[in-house]
Amino acid sequence: EWELLLHWSGSDWIGPRETLIDQLFAAAFLLSYIGFDKVRLPFTRQIEYLGSKSYGIYLIHSPVLEYTSRIIYHLAPTILAYQFVFQPLLYLVGFGLPLLLMALVNRSPSRRFYSFAFG
C-alpha cells in the first residue's frame, strides 16, 4: 500500500500517515485479543514469572551478554562460528544470570534495596 501511495504522489518521500491497512490491522489485533481471551497457553506460570521479573532482566541483560560474549571470544572462539550453539547459550545466560542475581539480592541483607534496583 505504501509503495502505491508513494508512486501516486509523485514524490520521493511522503510523511507517515494512517492508511486503511493500518486501521484494519488495529481492528484485527483488538478482535483477536478479545477472541483469545479464554485460551490458556502452556507454561503460563513460567511466562508470568518471567514477566514479573522482566524489568530486572532488561536492566541487567546487556552487560551480561557483552561480558559473556567477550569471555567466549577469549576462551572459546570456536563457539562463535556455530550460531546454533552460541545463540542458545546467550539466551540462557541472558535470562539465567539476571534471574540468579535478582534471587541472590532478594535473599541477602540488601533485600531492602531490591525494589529500587530491579523494579
PDB file of N, CA and C in Angstrom:
ATOM      1  N   GLU A   1       0.822  -1.197   0.000  1.00  0.00           N
ATOM      2  CA  GLU A   1       0.000   0.000   0.000  1.00  0.00           C
ATOM      3  C   GLU A   1       0.865   1.259   0.000  1.00  0.00           C
ATOM      4  N   TRP A   2       1.936   1.254   0.796  1.00  0.00           N
ATOM      5  CA  TRP A   2       2.788   2.440   0.841  1.00  0.00           C
ATOM      6  C   TRP A   2       3.488   2.686  -0.493  1.00  0.00           C
ATOM      7  N   GLU A   3       3.899   1.630  -1.151  1.00  0.00           N
ATOM      8  CA  GLU A   3       4.550   1.793  -2.449  1.00  0.00           C
ATOM      9  C   GLU A   3       3.582   2.394  -3.465  1.00  0.00           C
ATOM     10  N   LEU A   4       2.333   1.970  -3.402  1.00  0.00           N
ATOM     11  CA  LEU A   4       1.323   2.518  -4.300  1.00  0.00           C
ATOM     12  C   LEU A   4       1.081   3.995  -4.002  1.00  0.00           C
ATOM     13  N   LEU A   5       0.955   4.355  -2.732  1.00  0.00           N
ATOM     14  CA  LEU A   5       0.763   5.758  -2.364  1.00  0.00           C
ATOM     15  C   LEU A   5       1.968   6.604  -2.768  1.00  0.00           C
ATOM     16  N   LEU A   6       3.155   6.076  -2.596  1.00  0.00           N
ATOM     17  CA  LEU A   6       4.362   6.801  -2.977  1.00  0.00           C
ATOM     18  C   LEU A   6       4.407   7.007  -4.488  1.00  0.00           C
ATOM     19  N   HIS A   7       4.042   5.988  -5.221  1.00  0.00           N
ATOM     20  CA  HIS A   7       4.019   6.094  -6.680  1.00  0.00           C
ATOM     21  C   HIS A   7       2.996   7.125  -7.138  1.00  0.00           C
ATOM     22  N   TRP A   8       1.794   7.095  -6.561  1.00  0.00           N
ATOM     23  CA  TRP A   8       0.733   8.036  -6.945  1.00  0.00           C
ATOM     24  C   TRP A   8       1.065   9.472  -6.551  1.00  0.00           C
ATOM     25  N   SER A   9       1.817   9.660  -5.474  1.00  0.00           N
ATOM     26  CA  SER A   9       2.117  11.020  -5.032  1.00  0.00           C
ATOM     27  C   SER A   9       3.122  11.697  -5.944  1.00  0.00           C
ATOM     28  N   GLY A  10       3.974  10.937  -6.602  1.00  0.00           N
ATOM     29  CA  GLY A  10       4.977  11.524  -7.485  1.00  0.00           C
ATOM     30  C   GLY A  10       6.159  12.101  -6.725  1.00  0.00           C
ATOM     31  N   SER A  11       6.185  11.941  -5.417  1.00  0.00           N
ATOM     32  CA  SER A  11       7.283  12.451  -4.606  1.00  0.00           C
ATOM     33  C   SER A  11       8.294  11.344  -4.335  1.00  0.00           C
ATOM     34  N   ASP A  12       9.466  11.766  -3.880  1.00  0.00           N
ATOM     35  CA  ASP A  12      10.474  10.796  -3.480  1.00  0.00           C
ATOM     36  C   ASP A  12      10.157  10.219  -2.110  1.00  0.00           C
ATOM     37  N   TRP A  13       9.444  10.992  -1.307  1.00  0.00           N
ATOM     38  CA  TRP A  13       9.150  10.576   0.058  1.00  0.00           C
ATOM     39  C   TRP A  13       7.833  11.205   0.496  1.00  0.00           C
ATOM     40  N   ILE A  14       7.027  10.444   1.247  1.00  0.00           N
ATOM     41  CA  ILE A  14       5.828  11.013   1.846  1.00  0.00           C
ATOM     42  C   ILE A  14       5.883  10.742   3.338  1.00  0.00           C
ATOM     43  N   GLY A  15       5.341  11.662   4.093  1.00  0.00           N
ATOM     44  CA  GLY A  15       5.349  11.543   5.544  1.00  0.00           C
ATOM     45  C   GLY A  15       4.448  10.418   6.018  1.00  0.00           C
ATOM     46  N   PRO A  16       4.696   9.942   7.231  1.00  0.00           N
ATOM     47  CA  PRO A  16       3.858   8.857   7.755  1.00  0.00           C
ATOM     48  C   PRO A  16       2.438   9.330   8.004  1.00  0.00           C
ATOM     49  N   ARG A  17       1.503   8.516   7.632  1.00  0.00           N
ATOM     50  CA  ARG A  17       0.089   8.789   7.867  1.00  0.00           C
ATOM     51  C   ARG A  17      -0.649   7.471   7.946  1.00  0.00           C
ATOM     52  N   GLU A  18      -1.757   7.482   8.635  1.00  0.00           N
ATOM     53  CA  GLU A  18      -2.520   6.247   8.773  1.00  0.00           C
ATOM     54  C   GLU A  18      -3.231   5.925   7.474  1.00  0.00           C
ATOM     55  N   THR A  19      -3.249   4.629   7.186  1.00  0.00           N
ATOM     56  CA  THR A  19      -3.899   4.161   5.973  1.00  0.00           C
ATOM     57  C   THR A  19      -4.979   3.158   6.341  1.00  0.00           C
ATOM     58  N   LEU A  20      -5.683   2.683   5.357  1.00  0.00           N
ATOM     59  CA  LEU A  20      -6.732   1.701   5.562  1.00  0.00           C
ATOM     60  C   LEU A  20      -6.161   0.409   6.142  1.00  0.00           C
ATOM     61  N   ILE A  21      -5.013  -0.016   5.655  1.00  0.00           N
ATOM     62  CA  ILE A  21      -4.408  -1.246   6.160  1.00  0.00           C
ATOM     63  C   ILE A  21      -4.021  -1.090   7.628  1.00  0.00           C
ATOM     64  N   ASP A  22      -3.548   0.088   8.031  1.00  0.00           N
ATOM     65  CA  ASP A  22      -3.237   0.336   9.442  1.00  0.00           C
ATOM     66  C   ASP A  22      -4.478   0.173  10.307  1.00  0.00           C
ATOM     67  N   GLN A  23      -5.579   0.704   9.856  1.00  0.00           N
ATOM     68  CA  GLN A  23      -6.828   0.610  10.611  1.00  0.00           C
ATOM     69  C   GLN A  23      -7.338  -0.828  10.676  1.00  0.00           C
ATOM     70  N   LEU A  24      -7.235  -1.553   9.561  1.00  0.00           N
ATOM     71  CA  LEU A  24      -7.664  -2.949   9.546  1.00  0.00           C
ATOM     72  C   LEU A  24      -6.789  -3.810  10.456  1.00  0.00           C
ATOM     73  N   PHE A  25      -5.496  -3.546  10.461  1.00  0.00           N
ATOM     74  CA  PHE A  25      -4.605  -4.292  11.340  1.00  0.00           C
ATOM     75  C   PHE A  25      -4.945  -4.033  12.802  1.00  0.00           C
ATOM     76  N   ALA A  26      -5.182  -2.783  13.173  1.00  0.00           N
ATOM     77  CA  ALA A  26      -5.521  -2.454  14.551  1.00  0.00           C
ATOM     78  C   ALA A  26      -6.826  -3.128  14.961  1.00  0.00           C
ATOM     79  N   ALA A  27      -7.809  -3.112  14.084  1.00  0.00           N
ATOM     80  CA  ALA A  27      -9.092  -3.753  14.394  1.00  0.00           C
ATOM     81  C   ALA A  27      -8.924  -5.272  14.523  1.00  0.00           C
ATOM     82  N   ALA A  28      -8.167  -5.876  13.629  1.00  0.00           N
ATOM     83  CA  ALA A  28      -7.950  -7.324  13.700  1.00  0.00           C
ATOM     84  C   ALA A  28      -7.184  -7.703  14.962  1.00  0.00           C
ATOM     85  N   PHE A  29      -6.221  -6.887  15.364  1.00  0.00           N
ATOM     86  CA  PHE A  29      -5.476  -7.164  16.584  1.00  0.00           C
ATOM     87  C   PHE A  29      -6.388  -7.097  17.803  1.00  0.00           C
ATOM     88  N   LEU A  30      -7.211  -6.087  17.892  1.00  0.00           N
ATOM     89  CA  LEU A  30      -8.131  -5.967  19.028  1.00  0.00           C
ATOM     90  C   LEU A  30      -9.141  -7.107  19.054  1.00  0.00           C
ATOM     91  N   LEU A  31      -9.673  -7.469  17.904  1.00  0.00           N
ATOM     92  CA  LEU A  31     -10.629  -8.568  17.856  1.00  0.00           C
ATOM     93  C   LEU A  31      -9.980  -9.902  18.206  1.00  0.00           C
ATOM     94  N   SER A  32      -8.740 -10.117  17.779  1.00  0.00           N
ATOM     95  CA  SER A  32      -8.058 -11.367  18.137  1.00  0.00           C
ATOM     96  C   SER A  32      -7.748 -11.408  19.628  1.00  0.00           C
ATOM     97  N   TYR A  33      -7.442 -10.275  20.216  1.00  0.00           N
ATOM     98  CA  TYR A  33      -7.210 -10.220  21.655  1.00  0.00           C
ATOM     99  C   TYR A  33      -8.478 -10.605  22.407  1.00  0.00           C
ATOM    100  N   ILE A  34      -9.601 -10.103  21.965  1.00  0.00           N
ATOM    101  CA  ILE A  34     -10.885 -10.444  22.598  1.00  0.00           C
ATOM    102  C   ILE A  34     -11.238 -11.903  22.329  1.00  0.00           C
ATOM    103  N   GLY A  35     -10.987 -12.370  21.119  1.00  0.00           N
ATOM    104  CA  GLY A  35     -11.331 -13.740  20.747  1.00  0.00           C
ATOM    105  C   GLY A  35     -10.538 -14.799  21.488  1.00  0.00           C
ATOM    106  N   PHE A  36      -9.292 -14.500  21.836  1.00  0.00           N
ATOM    107  CA  PHE A  36      -8.435 -15.475  22.515  1.00  0.00           C
ATOM    108  C   PHE A  36      -8.341 -15.226  24.016  1.00  0.00           C
ATOM    109  N   ASP A  37      -9.299 -14.539  24.567  1.00  0.00           N
ATOM    110  CA  ASP A  37      -9.288 -14.178  25.984  1.00  0.00           C
ATOM    111  C   ASP A  37      -9.302 -15.404  26.888  1.00  0.00           C
ATOM    112  N   LYS A  38     -10.040 -16.423  26.546  1.00  0.00           N
ATOM    113  CA  LYS A  38     -10.186 -17.609  27.404  1.00  0.00           C
ATOM    114  C   LYS A  38      -9.179 -18.714  27.089  1.00  0.00           C
ATOM    115  N   VAL A  39      -8.324 -18.525  26.098  1.00  0.00           N
ATOM    116  CA  VAL A  39      -7.353 -19.541  25.732  1.00  0.00           C
ATOM    117  C   VAL A  39      -6.204 -19.517  26.742  1.00  0.00           C
ATOM    118  N   ARG A  40      -5.835 -20.683  27.247  1.00  0.00           N
ATOM    119  CA  ARG A  40      -4.731 -20.797  28.192  1.00  0.00           C
ATOM    120  C   ARG A  40      -3.512 -21.376  27.475  1.00  0.00           C
ATOM    121  N   LEU A  41      -2.421 -20.679  27.567  1.00  0.00           N
ATOM    122  CA  LEU A  41      -1.191 -21.113  26.923  1.00  0.00           C
ATOM    123  C   LEU A  41      -0.434 -22.087  27.825  1.00  0.00           C
ATOM    124  N   PRO A  42       0.376 -22.967  27.239  1.00  0.00           N
ATOM    125  CA  PRO A  42       1.226 -23.815  28.080  1.00  0.00           C
ATOM    126  C   PRO A  42       2.316 -22.968  28.742  1.00  0.00           C
ATOM    127  N   PHE A  43       2.803 -23.423  29.873  1.00  0.00           N
ATOM    128  CA  PHE A  43       3.850 -22.748  30.637  1.00  0.00           C
ATOM    129  C   PHE A  43       3.437 -21.353  31.090  1.00  0.00           C
ATOM    130  N   THR A  44       2.159 -21.180  31.426  1.00  0.00           N
ATOM    131  CA  THR A  44       1.660 -19.877  31.827  1.00  0.00           C
ATOM    132  C   THR A  44       2.352 -19.369  33.082  1.00  0.00           C
ATOM    133  N   ARG A  45       2.569 -20.228  34.053  1.00  0.00           N
ATOM    134  CA  ARG A  45       3.215 -19.791  35.292  1.00  0.00           C
ATOM    135  C   ARG A  45       4.640 -19.311  35.042  1.00  0.00           C
ATOM    136  N   GLN A  46       5.380 -20.011  34.201  1.00  0.00           N
ATOM    137  CA  GLN A  46       6.747 -19.614  33.906  1.00  0.00           C
ATOM    138  C   GLN A  46       6.779 -18.282  33.156  1.00  0.00           C
ATOM    139  N   ILE A  47       5.845 -18.108  32.243  1.00  0.00           N
ATOM    140  CA  ILE A  47       5.772 -16.852  31.495  1.00  0.00           C
ATOM    141  C   ILE A  47       5.406 -15.710  32.429  1.00  0.00           C
ATOM    142  N   GLU A  48       4.472 -15.948  33.349  1.00  0.00           N
ATOM    143  CA  GLU A  48       4.100 -14.911  34.308  1.00  0.00           C
ATOM    144  C   GLU A  48       5.274 -14.579  35.230  1.00  0.00           C
ATOM    145  N   TYR A  49       6.047 -15.586  35.633  1.00  0.00           N
ATOM    146  CA  TYR A  49       7.207 -15.345  36.484  1.00  0.00           C
ATOM    147  C   TYR A  49       8.225 -14.472  35.758  1.00  0.00           C
ATOM    148  N   LEU A  50       8.528 -14.824  34.509  1.00  0.00           N
ATOM    149  CA  LEU A  50       9.461 -14.016  33.733  1.00  0.00           C
ATOM    150  C   LEU A  50       8.920 -12.611  33.509  1.00  0.00           C
ATOM    151  N   GLY A  51       7.608 -12.505  33.328  1.00  0.00           N
ATOM    152  CA  GLY A  51       7.006 -11.194  33.148  1.00  0.00           C
ATOM    153  C   GLY A  51       7.156 -10.318  34.373  1.00  0.00           C
ATOM    154  N   SER A  52       7.037 -10.921  35.551  1.00  0.00           N
ATOM    155  CA  SER A  52       7.193 -10.135  36.775  1.00  0.00           C
ATOM    156  C   SER A  52       8.640  -9.718  37.001  1.00  0.00           C
ATOM    157  N   LYS A  53       9.573 -10.421  36.401  1.00  0.00           N
ATOM    158  CA  LYS A  53      10.995 -10.109  36.543  1.00  0.00           C
ATOM    159  C   LYS A  53      11.560  -9.402  35.317  1.00  0.00           C
ATOM    160  N   SER A  54      10.723  -9.036  34.362  1.00  0.00           N
ATOM    161  CA  SER A  54      11.207  -8.542  33.075  1.00  0.00           C
ATOM    162  C   SER A  54      11.989  -7.240  33.183  1.00  0.00           C
ATOM    163  N   TYR A  55      11.605  -6.348  34.078  1.00  0.00           N
ATOM    164  CA  TYR A  55      12.341  -5.087  34.184  1.00  0.00           C
ATOM    165  C   TYR A  55      13.752  -5.333  34.709  1.00  0.00           C
ATOM    166  N   GLY A  56      13.892  -6.199  35.692  1.00  0.00           N
ATOM    167  CA  GLY A  56      15.224  -6.535  36.192  1.00  0.00           C
ATOM    168  C   GLY A  56      16.066  -7.215  35.133  1.00  0.00           C
ATOM    169  N   ILE A  57      15.471  -8.113  34.366  1.00  0.00           N
ATOM    170  CA  ILE A  57      16.189  -8.771  33.268  1.00  0.00           C
ATOM    171  C   ILE A  57      16.627  -7.729  32.247  1.00  0.00           C
ATOM    172  N   TYR A  58      15.733  -6.801  31.946  1.00  0.00           N
ATOM    173  CA  TYR A  58      16.033  -5.735  30.983  1.00  0.00           C
ATOM    174  C   TYR A  58      17.226  -4.896  31.447  1.00  0.00           C
ATOM    175  N   LEU A  59      17.263  -4.581  32.729  1.00  0.00           N
ATOM    176  CA  LEU A  59      18.340  -3.740  33.248  1.00  0.00           C
ATOM    177  C   LEU A  59      19.692  -4.431  33.247  1.00  0.00           C
ATOM    178  N   ILE A  60      19.716  -5.740  33.460  1.00  0.00           N
ATOM    179  CA  ILE A  60      20.975  -6.445  33.653  1.00  0.00           C
ATOM    180  C   ILE A  60      21.465  -7.165  32.403  1.00  0.00           C
ATOM    181  N   HIS A  61      20.570  -7.511  31.477  1.00  0.00           N
ATOM    182  CA  HIS A  61      20.965  -8.419  30.393  1.00  0.00           C
ATOM    183  C   HIS A  61      22.039  -7.859  29.474  1.00  0.00           C
ATOM    184  N   SER A  62      22.077  -6.573  29.248  1.00  0.00           N
ATOM    185  CA  SER A  62      23.040  -6.013  28.298  1.00  0.00           C
ATOM    186  C   SER A  62      24.489  -6.218  28.739  1.00  0.00           C
ATOM    187  N   PRO A  63      24.867  -5.828  29.964  1.00  0.00           N
ATOM    188  CA  PRO A  63      26.250  -6.115  30.354  1.00  0.00           C
ATOM    189  C   PRO A  63      26.548  -7.603  30.458  1.00  0.00           C
ATOM    190  N   VAL A  64      25.560  -8.388  30.880  1.00  0.00           N
ATOM    191  CA  VAL A  64      25.764  -9.841  30.975  1.00  0.00           C
ATOM    192  C   VAL A  64      26.076 -10.417  29.596  1.00  0.00           C
ATOM    193  N   LEU A  65      25.323 -10.031  28.583  1.00  0.00           N
ATOM    194  CA  LEU A  65      25.563 -10.544  27.231  1.00  0.00           C
ATOM    195  C   LEU A  65      26.897 -10.058  26.680  1.00  0.00           C
ATOM    196  N   GLU A  66      27.240  -8.815  26.957  1.00  0.00           N
ATOM    197  CA  GLU A  66      28.507  -8.291  26.457  1.00  0.00           C
ATOM    198  C   GLU A  66      29.689  -9.025  27.076  1.00  0.00           C
ATOM    199  N   TYR A  67      29.683  -9.172  28.388  1.00  0.00           N
ATOM    200  CA  TYR A  67      30.814  -9.845  29.045  1.00  0.00           C
ATOM    201  C   TYR A  67      30.855 -11.339  28.720  1.00  0.00           C
ATOM    202  N   THR A  68      29.697 -11.958  28.575  1.00  0.00           N
ATOM    203  CA  THR A  68      29.671 -13.363  28.179  1.00  0.00           C
ATOM    204  C   THR A  68      30.265 -13.538  26.790  1.00  0.00           C
ATOM    205  N   SER A  69      29.903 -12.660  25.878  1.00  0.00           N
ATOM    206  CA  SER A  69      30.447 -12.735  24.519  1.00  0.00           C
ATOM    207  C   SER A  69      31.954 -12.516  24.519  1.00  0.00           C
ATOM    208  N   ARG A  70      32.416 -11.574  25.334  1.00  0.00           N
ATOM    209  CA  ARG A  70      33.861 -11.337  25.409  1.00  0.00           C
ATOM    210  C   ARG A  70      34.600 -12.538  25.993  1.00  0.00           C
ATOM    211  N   ILE A  71      34.023 -13.139  27.025  1.00  0.00           N
ATOM    212  CA  ILE A  71      34.640 -14.325  27.623  1.00  0.00           C
ATOM    213  C   ILE A  71      34.709 -15.463  26.614  1.00  0.00           C
ATOM    214  N   ILE A  72      33.620 -15.677  25.883  1.00  0.00           N
ATOM    215  CA  ILE A  72      33.620 -16.725  24.852  1.00  0.00           C
ATOM    216  C   ILE A  72      34.642 -16.406  23.773  1.00  0.00           C
ATOM    217  N   TYR A  73      34.737 -15.136  23.394  1.00  0.00           N
ATOM    218  CA  TYR A  73      35.703 -14.732  22.363  1.00  0.00           C
ATOM    219  C   TYR A  73      37.131 -15.057  22.780  1.00  0.00           C
ATOM    220  N   HIS A  74      37.443 -14.843  24.050  1.00  0.00           N
ATOM    221  CA  HIS A  74      38.810 -15.065  24.516  1.00  0.00           C
ATOM    222  C   HIS A  74      39.093 -16.519  24.903  1.00  0.00           C
ATOM    223  N   LEU A  75      38.105 -17.219  25.462  1.00  0.00           N
ATOM    224  CA  LEU A  75      38.347 -18.567  25.955  1.00  0.00           C
ATOM    225  C   LEU A  75      37.981 -19.673  24.962  1.00  0.00           C
ATOM    226  N   ALA A  76      36.916 -19.458  24.212  1.00  0.00           N
ATOM    227  CA  ALA A  76      36.467 -20.498  23.270  1.00  0.00           C
ATOM    228  C   ALA A  76      35.947 -19.855  21.988  1.00  0.00           C
ATOM    229  N   PRO A  77      36.809 -19.238  21.196  1.00  0.00           N
ATOM    230  CA  PRO A  77      36.347 -18.529  19.997  1.00  0.00           C
ATOM    231  C   PRO A  77      35.719 -19.422  18.940  1.00  0.00           C
ATOM    232  N   THR A  78      35.947 -20.713  19.006  1.00  0.00           N
ATOM    233  CA  THR A  78      35.347 -21.624  18.037  1.00  0.00           C
ATOM    234  C   THR A  78      33.827 -21.619  18.127  1.00  0.00           C
ATOM    235  N   ILE A  79      33.300 -21.375  19.324  1.00  0.00           N
ATOM    236  CA  ILE A  79      31.838 -21.352  19.512  1.00  0.00           C
ATOM    237  C   ILE A  79      31.198 -20.263  18.666  1.00  0.00           C
ATOM    238  N   LEU A  80      31.920 -19.166  18.417  1.00  0.00           N
ATOM    239  CA  LEU A  80      31.370 -18.065  17.633  1.00  0.00           C
ATOM    240  C   LEU A  80      31.036 -18.477  16.199  1.00  0.00           C
ATOM    241  N   ALA A  81      31.692 -19.501  15.699  1.00  0.00           N
ATOM    242  CA  ALA A  81      31.433 -19.967  14.338  1.00  0.00           C
ATOM    243  C   ALA A  81      30.153 -20.796  14.245  1.00  0.00           C
ATOM    244  N   TYR A  82      29.672 -21.290  15.382  1.00  0.00           N
ATOM    245  CA  TYR A  82      28.490 -22.149  15.400  1.00  0.00           C
ATOM    246  C   TYR A  82      27.341 -21.410  16.086  1.00  0.00           C
ATOM    247  N   GLN A  83      26.561 -20.703  15.302  1.00  0.00           N
ATOM    248  CA  GLN A  83      25.493 -19.881  15.851  1.00  0.00           C
ATOM    249  C   GLN A  83      24.396 -20.705  16.515  1.00  0.00           C
ATOM    250  N   PHE A  84      24.208 -21.933  16.092  1.00  0.00           N
ATOM    251  CA  PHE A  84      23.194 -22.777  16.729  1.00  0.00           C
ATOM    252  C   PHE A  84      23.605 -23.178  18.138  1.00  0.00           C
ATOM    253  N   VAL A  85      24.859 -23.001  18.492  1.00  0.00           N
ATOM    254  CA  VAL A  85      25.333 -23.204  19.866  1.00  0.00           C
ATOM    255  C   VAL A  85      25.424 -21.858  20.584  1.00  0.00           C
ATOM    256  N   PHE A  86      25.957 -20.868  19.909  1.00  0.00           N
ATOM    257  CA  PHE A  86      26.220 -19.565  20.513  1.00  0.00           C
ATOM    258  C   PHE A  86      24.933 -18.831  20.903  1.00  0.00           C
ATOM    259  N   GLN A  87      23.950 -18.808  20.031  1.00  0.00           N
ATOM    260  CA  GLN A  87      22.715 -18.072  20.309  1.00  0.00           C
ATOM    261  C   GLN A  87      21.931 -18.656  21.485  1.00  0.00           C
ATOM    262  N   PRO A  88      21.691 -19.971  21.546  1.00  0.00           N
ATOM    263  CA  PRO A  88      21.012 -20.503  22.737  1.00  0.00           C
ATOM    264  C   PRO A  88      21.803 -20.264  24.021  1.00  0.00           C
ATOM    265  N   LEU A  89      23.122 -20.312  23.921  1.00  0.00           N
ATOM    266  CA  LEU A  89      23.950 -20.019  25.088  1.00  0.00           C
ATOM    267  C   LEU A  89      23.723 -18.588  25.565  1.00  0.00           C
ATOM    268  N   LEU A  90      23.659 -17.646  24.633  1.00  0.00           N
ATOM    269  CA  LEU A  90      23.385 -16.263  25.011  1.00  0.00           C
ATOM    270  C   LEU A  90      21.988 -16.100  25.596  1.00  0.00           C
ATOM    271  N   TYR A  91      21.006 -16.810  25.062  1.00  0.00           N
ATOM    272  CA  TYR A  91      19.652 -16.757  25.632  1.00  0.00           C
ATOM    273  C   TYR A  91      19.650 -17.267  27.067  1.00  0.00           C
ATOM    274  N   LEU A  92      20.279 -18.403  27.283  1.00  0.00           N
ATOM    275  CA  LEU A  92      20.314 -18.974  28.630  1.00  0.00           C
ATOM    276  C   LEU A  92      21.028 -18.061  29.615  1.00  0.00           C
ATOM    277  N   VAL A  93      22.171 -17.540  29.211  1.00  0.00           N
ATOM    278  CA  VAL A  93      22.928 -16.659  30.097  1.00  0.00           C
ATOM    279  C   VAL A  93      22.201 -15.325  30.275  1.00  0.00           C
ATOM    280  N   GLY A  94      21.592 -14.827  29.202  1.00  0.00           N
ATOM    281  CA  GLY A  94      20.877 -13.548  29.263  1.00  0.00           C
ATOM    282  C   GLY A  94      19.671 -13.577  30.172  1.00  0.00           C
ATOM    283  N   PHE A  95      19.038 -14.721  30.311  1.00  0.00           N
ATOM    284  CA  PHE A  95      17.930 -14.868  31.263  1.00  0.00           C
ATOM    285  C   PHE A  95      18.421 -15.369  32.615  1.00  0.00           C
ATOM    286  N   GLY A  96      19.319 -16.353  32.595  1.00  0.00           N
ATOM    287  CA  GLY A  96      19.719 -17.039  33.816  1.00  0.00           C
ATOM    288  C   GLY A  96      20.497 -16.181  34.798  1.00  0.00           C
ATOM    289  N   LEU A  97      21.524 -15.475  34.330  1.00  0.00           N
ATOM    290  CA  LEU A  97      22.329 -14.682  35.247  1.00  0.00           C
ATOM    291  C   LEU A  97      21.562 -13.521  35.871  1.00  0.00           C
ATOM    292  N   PRO A  98      20.754 -12.768  35.115  1.00  0.00           N
ATOM    293  CA  PRO A  98      19.954 -11.737  35.782  1.00  0.00           C
ATOM    294  C   PRO A  98      18.982 -12.317  36.808  1.00  0.00           C
ATOM    295  N   LEU A  99      18.349 -13.445  36.492  1.00  0.00           N
ATOM    296  CA  LEU A  99      17.431 -14.061  37.453  1.00  0.00           C
ATOM    297  C   LEU A  99      18.182 -14.542  38.685  1.00  0.00           C
ATOM    298  N   LEU A 100      19.380 -15.093  38.477  1.00  0.00           N
ATOM    299  CA  LEU A 100      20.194 -15.540  39.604  1.00  0.00           C
ATOM    300  C   LEU A 100      20.627 -14.357  40.470  1.00  0.00           C
ATOM    301  N   LEU A 101      21.060 -13.276  39.852  1.00  0.00           N
ATOM    302  CA  LEU A 101      21.463 -12.092  40.604  1.00  0.00           C
ATOM    303  C   LEU A 101      20.289 -11.512  41.391  1.00  0.00           C
ATOM    304  N   MET A 102      19.119 -11.463  40.778  1.00  0.00           N
ATOM    305  CA  MET A 102      17.944 -10.946  41.485  1.00  0.00           C
ATOM    306  C   MET A 102      17.576 -11.841  42.660  1.00  0.00           C
ATOM    307  N   ALA A 103      17.685 -13.157  42.480  1.00  0.00           N
ATOM    308  CA  ALA A 103      17.382 -14.078  43.579  1.00  0.00           C
ATOM    309  C   ALA A 103      18.390 -13.924  44.708  1.00  0.00           C
ATOM    310  N   LEU A 104      19.671 -13.744  44.376  1.00  0.00           N
ATOM    311  CA  LEU A 104      20.688 -13.560  45.408  1.00  0.00           C
ATOM    312  C   LEU A 104      20.474 -12.267  46.182  1.00  0.00           C
ATOM    313  N   VAL A 105      20.163 -11.195  45.481  1.00  0.00           N
ATOM    314  CA  VAL A 105      19.912  -9.923  46.157  1.00  0.00           C
ATOM    315  C   VAL A 105      18.664 -10.016  47.017  1.00  0.00           C
ATOM    316  N   ASN A 106      17.665 -10.715  46.534  1.00  0.00           N
ATOM    317  CA  ASN A 106      16.410 -10.858  47.278  1.00  0.00           C
ATOM    318  C   ASN A 106      16.607 -11.660  48.563  1.00  0.00           C
ATOM    319  N   ARG A 107      17.621 -12.517  48.618  1.00  0.00           N
ATOM    320  CA  ARG A 107      17.879 -13.332  49.808  1.00  0.00           C
ATOM    321  C   ARG A 107      19.017 -12.783  50.671  1.00  0.00           C
ATOM    322  N   SER A 108      19.608 -11.675  50.280  1.00  0.00           N
ATOM    323  CA  SER A 108      20.740 -11.114  51.010  1.00  0.00           C
ATOM    324  C   SER A 108      20.283  -9.997  51.960  1.00  0.00           C
ATOM    325  N   PRO A 109      21.185  -9.492  52.775  1.00  0.00           N
ATOM    326  CA  PRO A 109      20.831  -8.375  53.647  1.00  0.00           C
ATOM    327  C   PRO A 109      20.457  -7.090  52.885  1.00  0.00           C
ATOM    328  N   SER A 110      20.861  -7.001  51.628  1.00  0.00           N
ATOM    329  CA  SER A 110      20.499  -5.820  50.829  1.00  0.00           C
ATOM    330  C   SER A 110      19.123  -5.957  50.182  1.00  0.00           C
ATOM    331  N   ARG A 111      18.313  -6.835  50.728  1.00  0.00           N
ATOM    332  CA  ARG A 111      16.970  -7.075  50.196  1.00  0.00           C
ATOM    333  C   ARG A 111      16.128  -5.805  50.162  1.00  0.00           C
ATOM    334  N   ARG A 112      16.351  -4.901  51.100  1.00  0.00           N
ATOM    335  CA  ARG A 112      15.544  -3.685  51.152  1.00  0.00           C
ATOM    336  C   ARG A 112      15.770  -2.795  49.936  1.00  0.00           C
ATOM    337  N   PHE A 113      16.883  -2.991  49.202  1.00  0.00           N
ATOM    338  CA  PHE A 113      17.161  -2.207  48.002  1.00  0.00           C
ATOM    339  C   PHE A 113      16.695  -2.911  46.724  1.00  0.00           C
ATOM    340  N   TYR A 114      16.136  -4.109  46.865  1.00  0.00           N
ATOM    341  CA  TYR A 114      15.731  -4.906  45.698  1.00  0.00           C
ATOM    342  C   TYR A 114      14.752  -4.144  44.802  1.00  0.00           C
ATOM    343  N   SER A 115      13.734  -3.553  45.408  1.00  0.00           N
ATOM    344  CA  SER A 115      12.718  -2.875  44.592  1.00  0.00           C
ATOM    345  C   SER A 115      13.295  -1.628  43.904  1.00  0.00           C
ATOM    346  N   PHE A 116      14.301  -1.008  44.508  1.00  0.00           N
ATOM    347  CA  PHE A 116      14.924   0.144  43.850  1.00  0.00           C
ATOM    348  C   PHE A 116      15.815  -0.285  42.710  1.00  0.00           C
ATOM    349  N   ALA A 117      16.475  -1.410  42.864  1.00  0.00           N
ATOM    350  CA  ALA A 117      17.423  -1.865  41.846  1.00  0.00           C
ATOM    351  C   ALA A 117      16.745  -2.560  40.672  1.00  0.00           C
ATOM    352  N   PHE A 118      15.714  -3.347  40.953  1.00  0.00           N
ATOM    353  CA  PHE A 118      15.130  -4.183  39.903  1.00  0.00           C
ATOM    354  C   PHE A 118      13.660  -3.914  39.623  1.00  0.00           C
ATOM    355  N   GLY A 119      13.082  -2.973  40.249  1.00  0.00           N
ATOM    356  CA  GLY A 119      11.687  -2.625  39.997  1.00  0.00           C
ATOM    357  C   GLY A 119      10.691  -3.452  40.738  1.00  0.00           C
TER     358      GLY A 119
END
